[in-house]
Protein backbone atom coordinates (compact mmCIF):
# COMPACT_ATOMS: atom_id res chain seq x y z
CA MET A 1 6.09 84.84 62.40
CA THR A 2 6.80 84.60 58.64
CA ARG A 3 8.85 81.31 57.77
CA THR A 4 12.57 82.07 56.02
CA THR A 5 13.13 80.17 53.00
CA TYR A 6 16.15 80.35 50.50
CA ARG A 7 16.40 79.58 46.70
CA CYS A 8 19.71 78.01 45.86
CA PRO A 9 21.28 78.58 42.84
CA CYS A 10 21.13 74.63 41.90
CA GLY A 11 17.03 75.12 42.45
CA ALA A 12 16.59 73.70 45.99
CA ARG A 13 14.22 75.42 48.58
CA LEU A 14 16.26 75.34 51.71
CA GLU A 15 13.49 75.83 54.47
CA PHE A 16 14.63 73.62 57.29
CA LYS A 17 17.95 72.65 59.31
CA GLN A 18 17.72 69.24 57.43
CA ASP A 19 18.33 71.40 54.25
CA LEU A 20 21.62 72.89 55.53
CA GLU A 21 25.10 71.00 55.82
CA LYS A 22 27.31 72.75 58.38
CA GLU A 23 31.00 73.22 56.71
CA ARG A 24 33.79 71.53 58.46
CA GLY A 25 37.12 73.16 59.82
CA THR A 26 35.80 76.82 60.37
CA PRO A 27 35.85 78.73 63.66
CA THR A 28 32.30 79.72 63.30
CA PRO A 29 29.60 77.94 61.77
CA ASN A 30 29.25 78.31 57.84
CA TRP A 31 26.17 76.64 56.00
CA LYS A 32 25.95 75.18 52.70
CA CYS A 33 23.28 73.61 50.57
CA LYS A 34 22.87 70.01 51.48
CA ASP A 35 22.39 69.24 47.63
CA CYS A 36 25.12 71.21 46.04
CA GLY A 37 27.55 72.74 48.60
CA THR A 38 26.52 76.08 47.67
CA PRO A 39 27.41 78.64 50.62
CA VAL A 40 24.21 80.03 52.04
CA PRO A 41 24.38 83.62 53.37
CA GLY A 42 24.99 83.58 57.34
CA MET A 43 21.82 85.39 58.50
CA THR A 44 19.57 83.30 56.23
CA ALA A 45 21.17 80.07 57.39
CA GLU A 46 20.87 80.90 60.86
CA ARG A 47 17.08 81.86 60.67
CA ILE A 48 16.53 78.55 58.31
CA ARG A 49 18.42 76.49 60.91
CA HIS A 50 16.17 77.49 63.66
CA GLN A 51 12.77 76.34 62.10
CA HIS A 52 11.12 73.34 62.44
CA PRO A 53 8.46 71.40 60.20
CA SER A 54 4.92 72.10 61.40
């Protein structure tokens, strides 16, 4: 299975859960870039969230 990565508009490469930040106060998880706070698309964030560094 290939790894999911996401290039944030700020230039950060999001690949693992530690690259994401959960938005507080929402009934469903919304994930943002840890560096700049830009929202990450839900399906992409869920895939990234379940990846672990090798």
